[in-house]
Amino acid sequence: MAAKGSTPAVELEVGEQVVRISNPDRVYFPALGATKLDLARYYLGVGDGIVRALRERPCMLHRYPEGIEGEKVHQKRLPHGAPRWVQTVRVHFPRYDRHADELCVTTLADVVWAVQMSTVEFHPWNSRRADTEKPDEWRIDLDPMPECDFATVRRVAHVVEEVLAELGAVGYPKTSGGDGLHVYVRTHPDWDFGQVRRAALAFAREVERRTPEATTAWWRKDRDPRAVFVDFNQNARDHTIASAYSVRGVPAATVSTPLRWDEVDTVEPRDLTITTVPARFAELGDLHAGIDDTPFSLAPLLEWADRDGVENPSG
């Protein structure tokens, strides 16, 4: 029986599973009036895309039990009460000599169950459970500084596109769901986190050489406040960013949304939300659907790192 004053639970058929959504009318995004059930239905609407982005990766959950105006919980370990069909992957945290069994998405039902557990944002590792110590995803995070406008982010993104093309690498851009852009490149899982991070810094420094609007300065005080920080550190072990199709825990309920390169100059990230992205997905499909088809070898970037004397960066 539902508690007094609460709305009865809703059962959603998700593939072979039935996922029970309790408190479906709880408002998660007050500015939009969007509820927990709306959030679950959003993820159903982009199902193939969100599962592709998360598949078999350790995944940290950003949970908001009372909606986005309440407390935010960073959840590494799988929440208690998971059905038997929800899978996990064990990862080790050397600093504390501890392990955590993190969510390992294999089906859309896993995602919807996580929403039932108040998850809004999904933050996967850039490695998979087959070998969590060998990333298969190089992430280029274009993070604007406080006085940097989005037009500058766009220009730096095209420099990234140019350098990737010269390398023969295929980049898959997406909005961050905030003020920046991300570009993902599928890689062969032949290198550890330190090597991937070193390669990412070598690439970022090449972008910095080509445009004064980009910076790789590690300390914030050393960065031009009008520049875009090419954040190589997002490739460090246990660093995560919101996945493609992840909703962000902000009032506008923006979504980290895959783009075509020809959209970079016109996209307005604030227009890509839980209310608009499902229709876009229905029309365009998953723009990252081909990412597994074009793995890139990091060997040329590691040669650049050797050439430039790039050490494994601190931080």
Protein backbone atom coordinates (compact mmCIF):
# COMPACT_ATOMS: atom_id res chain seq x y z
CA MET A 1 0.00 0.00 0.00
CA ALA A 2 1.27 3.47 -0.84
CA ALA A 3 2.07 5.76 2.08
CA LYS A 4 -0.48 8.44 2.87
CA GLY A 5 -0.05 11.39 0.52
CA SER A 6 2.21 9.54 -1.90
CA THR A 7 1.45 8.53 -5.48
CA PRO A 8 1.21 4.80 -6.22
CA ALA A 9 4.25 3.27 -7.86
CA VAL A 10 4.35 2.80 -11.63
CA GLU A 11 5.69 -0.36 -13.25
CA LEU A 12 7.60 0.05 -16.51
CA GLU A 13 8.33 -2.83 -18.86
CA VAL A 14 11.92 -2.39 -19.97
CA GLY A 15 13.05 -5.18 -22.25
CA GLU A 16 12.77 -8.42 -20.32
CA GLN A 17 12.47 -6.70 -16.94
CA VAL A 18 9.79 -4.81 -15.06
CA VAL A 19 11.14 -1.79 -13.16
CA ARG A 20 9.05 -0.31 -10.38
CA ILE A 21 9.21 3.48 -10.08
CA SER A 22 8.16 4.61 -6.63
CA ASN A 23 7.05 8.21 -5.99
CA PRO A 24 6.70 8.78 -9.75
CA ASP A 25 5.25 12.29 -9.28
CA ARG A 26 8.12 13.55 -7.15
CA VAL A 27 9.31 16.73 -8.87
CA TYR A 28 13.00 16.54 -9.71
CA PHE A 29 13.27 19.72 -11.80
CA PRO A 30 10.97 22.37 -10.28
CA ALA A 31 11.57 24.95 -13.01
CA LEU A 32 10.19 22.50 -15.57
CA GLY A 33 7.81 20.58 -13.33
CA ALA A 34 9.61 17.44 -14.52
CA THR A 35 9.13 14.41 -12.28
CA LYS A 36 10.96 11.20 -11.50
CA LEU A 37 8.71 9.40 -13.99
CA ASP A 38 9.49 12.04 -16.64
CA LEU A 39 13.19 11.34 -16.06
CA ALA A 40 12.67 7.59 -16.46
CA ARG A 41 10.70 8.15 -19.65
CA TYR A 42 13.43 10.42 -20.98
CA TYR A 43 16.00 7.63 -20.61
CA LEU A 44 13.59 5.20 -22.27
CA GLY A 45 13.40 7.64 -25.18
CA VAL A 46 17.18 7.60 -25.73
CA GLY A 47 17.63 3.98 -24.69
CA ASP A 48 20.05 2.72 -27.35
CA GLY A 49 22.22 5.80 -26.96
CA ILE A 50 22.56 5.80 -23.18
CA VAL A 51 23.23 2.06 -23.09
CA ARG A 52 25.91 2.38 -25.79
CA ALA A 53 27.57 5.19 -23.82
CA LEU A 54 27.60 3.19 -20.56
CA ARG A 55 27.89 -0.41 -21.70
CA GLU A 56 30.14 -2.49 -19.45
CA ARG A 57 31.84 0.53 -17.89
CA PRO A 58 32.18 1.09 -14.15
CA CYS A 59 29.70 3.89 -13.52
CA MET A 60 29.44 6.43 -10.74
CA LEU A 61 25.92 7.67 -10.10
CA HIS A 62 24.95 11.22 -9.17
CA ARG A 63 21.80 10.74 -7.13
CA TYR A 64 19.30 13.38 -5.99
CA PRO A 65 16.85 11.66 -3.61
CA GLU A 66 14.81 14.85 -3.14
CA GLY A 67 15.26 16.30 -6.61
CA ILE A 68 17.99 18.64 -7.83
CA GLU A 69 17.32 21.23 -5.14
CA GLY A 70 18.11 18.64 -2.47
CA GLU A 71 21.30 16.90 -1.45
CA LYS A 72 23.49 15.41 -4.17
CA VAL A 73 24.95 11.98 -3.50
CA HIS A 74 28.03 10.74 -5.40
CA GLN A 75 27.52 6.98 -5.41
CA LYS A 76 30.37 4.72 -6.43
CA ARG A 77 29.10 1.52 -4.86
CA LEU A 78 25.92 -0.02 -6.21
CA PRO A 79 23.00 1.15 -4.05
CA HIS A 80 21.46 -1.45 -1.77
CA GLY A 81 18.39 -3.31 -2.95
CA ALA A 82 19.47 -3.97 -6.53
CA PRO A 83 17.63 -6.76 -8.38
CA ARG A 84 19.67 -9.85 -9.20
CA TRP A 85 19.78 -8.93 -12.86
CA VAL A 86 21.71 -5.69 -12.24
CA GLN A 87 25.41 -6.32 -12.89
CA THR A 88 28.46 -4.76 -11.28
CA VAL A 89 32.17 -4.46 -11.91
CA ARG A 90 34.73 -4.35 -9.10
CA VAL A 91 37.30 -1.56 -9.15
CA HIS A 92 40.19 -0.93 -6.79
CA PHE A 93 41.13 2.39 -5.19
CA PRO A 94 44.85 2.13 -4.33
CA ARG A 95 44.98 5.30 -2.25
CA TYR A 96 42.63 3.77 0.31
CA ASP A 97 43.31 0.10 -0.55
CA ARG A 98 39.59 -0.42 -0.98
CA HIS A 99 37.31 -1.91 -3.58
CA ALA A 100 33.92 -0.85 -4.86
CA ASP A 101 31.37 -2.80 -6.86
CA GLU A 102 30.07 -0.19 -9.28
CA LEU A 103 27.06 -0.35 -11.56
CA CYS A 104 27.91 -2.02 -14.88
CA VAL A 105 25.17 -1.24 -17.39
CA THR A 106 24.39 -3.97 -19.90
CA THR A 107 20.71 -3.25 -20.61
CA LEU A 108 18.33 -0.31 -20.52
CA ALA A 109 16.60 -1.81 -17.49
CA ASP A 110 19.80 -1.12 -15.50
CA VAL A 111 19.54 2.58 -16.38
CA VAL A 112 15.87 2.83 -15.46
CA TRP A 113 16.49 1.00 -12.18
CA ALA A 114 19.20 3.55 -11.40
CA VAL A 115 16.61 6.31 -11.99
CA GLN A 116 14.35 4.51 -9.52
CA MET A 117 17.25 4.88 -7.08
CA SER A 118 17.13 8.67 -7.72
CA THR A 119 19.99 8.81 -10.24
CA VAL A 120 19.97 11.84 -12.53
CA GLU A 121 23.53 11.79 -13.91
CA PHE A 122 25.62 8.84 -15.15
CA HIS A 123 29.40 9.20 -14.98
CA PRO A 124 31.18 6.19 -16.52
CA TRP A 125 34.87 5.32 -16.52
CA ASN A 126 36.69 5.40 -19.86
CA SER A 127 37.54 1.70 -19.49
CA ARG A 128 35.40 -1.43 -19.51
CA ARG A 129 35.07 -4.39 -17.18
CA ALA A 130 37.12 -6.68 -19.46
CA ASP A 131 40.15 -4.72 -18.18
CA THR A 132 39.33 -1.70 -16.05
CA GLU A 133 43.00 -0.61 -16.11
CA LYS A 134 43.15 -0.20 -19.90
CA PRO A 135 40.97 2.67 -21.23
CA ASP A 136 39.35 2.37 -24.64
CA GLU A 137 38.06 5.95 -24.74
CA TRP A 138 40.15 9.11 -25.01
CA ARG A 139 38.19 12.11 -23.80
CA ILE A 140 38.87 15.68 -24.90
CA ASP A 141 37.16 18.08 -22.51
CA LEU A 142 36.91 21.70 -23.67
CA ASP A 143 36.28 23.56 -20.43
CA PRO A 144 35.73 27.33 -20.78
CA MET A 145 37.20 29.63 -18.18
CA PRO A 146 34.93 32.20 -16.44
CA GLU A 147 35.22 34.95 -19.07
CA CYS A 148 35.19 32.61 -22.08
CA ASP A 149 32.12 32.65 -24.32
CA PHE A 150 30.73 29.70 -26.22
CA ALA A 151 31.86 31.14 -29.56
CA THR A 152 35.43 30.61 -28.35
CA VAL A 153 34.64 27.02 -27.37
CA ARG A 154 33.33 26.47 -30.90
CA ARG A 155 36.52 27.82 -32.47
CA VAL A 156 38.75 25.66 -30.28
CA ALA A 157 36.58 22.64 -31.11
CA HIS A 158 37.34 23.13 -34.79
CA VAL A 159 41.06 23.21 -34.04
CA VAL A 160 40.56 19.90 -32.24
CA GLU A 161 38.73 18.61 -35.31
CA GLU A 162 41.61 19.72 -37.54
CA VAL A 163 44.30 18.02 -35.45
CA LEU A 164 42.30 14.82 -35.16
CA ALA A 165 41.85 14.73 -38.93
CA GLU A 166 45.61 15.08 -39.42
CA LEU A 167 46.13 12.15 -37.06
CA GLY A 168 43.53 10.05 -38.85
CA ALA A 169 41.43 9.88 -35.70
CA VAL A 170 37.63 10.11 -35.72
CA GLY A 171 36.26 12.40 -33.02
CA TYR A 172 32.69 12.28 -31.76
CA PRO A 173 31.60 15.64 -30.31
CA LYS A 174 28.89 16.26 -27.73
CA THR A 175 27.74 19.06 -25.50
CA SER A 176 28.77 18.75 -21.88
CA GLY A 177 25.32 19.71 -20.68
CA GLY A 178 26.99 22.83 -19.30
CA ASP A 179 29.13 25.50 -20.95
CA GLY A 180 31.67 23.28 -22.70
CA LEU A 181 32.06 20.61 -25.33
CA HIS A 182 33.48 17.09 -25.19
CA VAL A 183 35.03 15.09 -28.01
CA TYR A 184 35.40 11.32 -27.61
CA VAL A 185 37.77 9.10 -29.57
CA ARG A 186 37.59 5.32 -29.37
CA THR A 187 41.04 3.81 -28.81
CA HIS A 188 42.61 0.39 -28.68
CA PRO A 189 42.81 -0.73 -25.01
CA ASP A 190 46.58 -1.20 -25.18
CA TRP A 191 47.70 1.54 -22.79
CA ASP A 192 47.20 2.26 -19.10
CA PHE A 193 45.69 5.42 -17.64
CA GLY A 194 49.04 7.18 -17.25
CA GLN A 195 49.90 6.63 -20.91
CA VAL A 196 46.47 7.75 -22.11
CA ARG A 197 46.72 10.87 -19.98
CA ARG A 198 50.20 11.61 -21.31
CA ALA A 199 48.94 11.20 -24.89
CA ALA A 200 46.00 13.49 -24.10
CA LEU A 201 48.37 16.19 -22.83
CA ALA A 202 50.54 15.93 -25.94
CA PHE A 203 47.44 16.43 -28.08
CA ALA A 204 46.22 19.33 -25.92
CA ARG A 205 49.57 21.09 -26.25
CA GLU A 206 49.37 20.78 -30.03
CA VAL A 207 45.94 22.44 -29.93
CA GLU A 208 47.41 25.13 -27.64
CA ARG A 209 50.21 25.79 -30.13
CA ARG A 210 47.68 26.36 -32.90
CA THR A 211 45.39 28.78 -31.11
CA PRO A 212 45.96 31.26 -28.28
CA GLU A 213 42.36 30.63 -27.24
CA ALA A 214 43.32 27.23 -25.80
CA THR A 215 45.37 26.54 -22.69
CA THR A 216 46.85 23.52 -20.96
CA ALA A 217 48.06 25.43 -17.89
CA TRP A 218 47.55 23.13 -14.92
CA TRP A 219 46.99 25.80 -12.27
CA ARG A 220 43.84 27.87 -12.67
CA LYS A 221 45.68 31.05 -11.70
CA ASP A 222 47.93 30.58 -14.73
CA ARG A 223 45.08 30.35 -17.24
CA ASP A 224 43.74 33.23 -19.29
CA PRO A 225 40.17 33.69 -17.97
CA ARG A 226 38.99 34.10 -21.60
CA ALA A 227 40.54 30.81 -22.75
CA VAL A 228 39.36 27.21 -23.10
CA PHE A 229 41.16 24.73 -20.87
CA VAL A 230 41.81 21.51 -22.80
CA ASP A 231 41.40 19.31 -19.76
CA PHE A 232 43.70 16.33 -20.36
CA ASN A 233 43.22 15.25 -16.74
CA GLN A 234 39.77 13.85 -17.52
CA ASN A 235 41.69 10.80 -18.75
CA ALA A 236 43.16 10.09 -15.34
CA ARG A 237 42.16 6.94 -13.49
CA ASP A 238 38.84 7.25 -11.66
CA HIS A 239 38.06 10.60 -13.27
CA THR A 240 34.65 10.64 -14.90
CA ILE A 241 32.45 13.05 -16.82
CA ALA A 242 28.79 12.87 -17.71
CA SER A 243 28.12 10.34 -20.45
CA ALA A 244 26.47 10.98 -23.76
CA TYR A 245 22.70 11.33 -23.14
CA SER A 246 23.15 11.88 -19.42
CA VAL A 247 20.83 14.48 -17.97
CA ARG A 248 22.60 17.08 -15.82
CA GLY A 249 21.48 18.04 -12.35
CA VAL A 250 20.73 21.66 -13.22
CA PRO A 251 17.38 23.52 -13.26
CA ALA A 252 17.08 23.45 -17.06
CA ALA A 253 17.59 19.64 -17.14
CA THR A 254 20.10 19.95 -19.96
CA VAL A 255 21.50 16.83 -21.60
CA SER A 256 25.04 15.99 -22.67
CA THR A 257 24.06 15.53 -26.31
CA PRO A 258 25.95 14.03 -29.26
CA LEU A 259 26.42 16.37 -32.22
CA ARG A 260 27.50 16.30 -35.83
CA TRP A 261 30.59 18.38 -36.47
CA ASP A 262 28.55 20.65 -38.75
CA GLU A 263 26.32 21.51 -35.77
CA VAL A 264 29.11 22.85 -33.60
CA ASP A 265 28.77 26.39 -34.97
CA THR A 266 25.02 26.61 -34.43
CA VAL A 267 24.19 24.45 -31.41
CA GLU A 268 22.82 26.15 -28.31
CA PRO A 269 23.48 23.70 -25.46
CA ARG A 270 20.73 25.13 -23.27
CA ASP A 271 18.18 24.05 -25.89
CA LEU A 272 19.12 20.37 -25.51
CA THR A 273 17.07 19.14 -22.55
CA ILE A 274 15.02 16.17 -21.39
CA THR A 275 12.06 17.69 -23.22
CA THR A 276 13.78 18.17 -26.60
CA VAL A 277 16.44 15.46 -26.93
CA PRO A 278 14.09 12.44 -27.27
CA ALA A 279 12.52 13.91 -30.42
CA ARG A 280 15.99 14.72 -31.75
CA PHE A 281 17.07 11.15 -31.01
CA ALA A 282 13.99 9.76 -32.77
CA GLU A 283 14.83 11.83 -35.85
CA LEU A 284 18.63 11.46 -36.00
CA GLY A 285 19.31 8.28 -34.06
CA ASP A 286 22.45 7.98 -31.99
CA LEU A 287 25.13 10.16 -33.57
CA HIS A 288 27.75 8.18 -31.62
CA ALA A 289 26.50 4.84 -32.98
CA GLY A 290 29.63 4.29 -35.05
CA ILE A 291 32.19 5.11 -32.38
CA ASP A 292 33.26 1.49 -31.87
CA ASP A 293 33.96 1.11 -35.59
CA THR A 294 36.93 3.49 -35.68
CA PRO A 295 39.44 2.70 -32.89
CA PHE A 296 42.57 4.85 -32.94
CA SER A 297 46.10 3.95 -31.92
CA LEU A 298 47.62 6.36 -29.41
CA ALA A 299 51.14 5.55 -30.66
CA PRO A 300 51.48 8.79 -32.70
CA LEU A 301 50.49 10.89 -29.70
CA LEU A 302 52.95 9.08 -27.47
CA GLU A 303 55.61 9.85 -30.08
CA TRP A 304 54.60 13.52 -29.85
CA ALA A 305 54.92 13.26 -26.07
CA ASP A 306 58.43 11.86 -26.43
CA ARG A 307 59.33 14.55 -28.97
CA ASP A 308 58.09 17.32 -26.72
CA GLY A 309 59.49 15.88 -23.49
CA VAL A 310 56.01 15.52 -22.00
CA GLU A 311 56.18 13.78 -18.66
CA ASN A 312 53.19 12.08 -17.09
CA PRO A 313 51.51 15.22 -15.71
CA SER A 314 50.84 15.70 -12.02
CA GLY A 315 47.45 16.38 -10.49
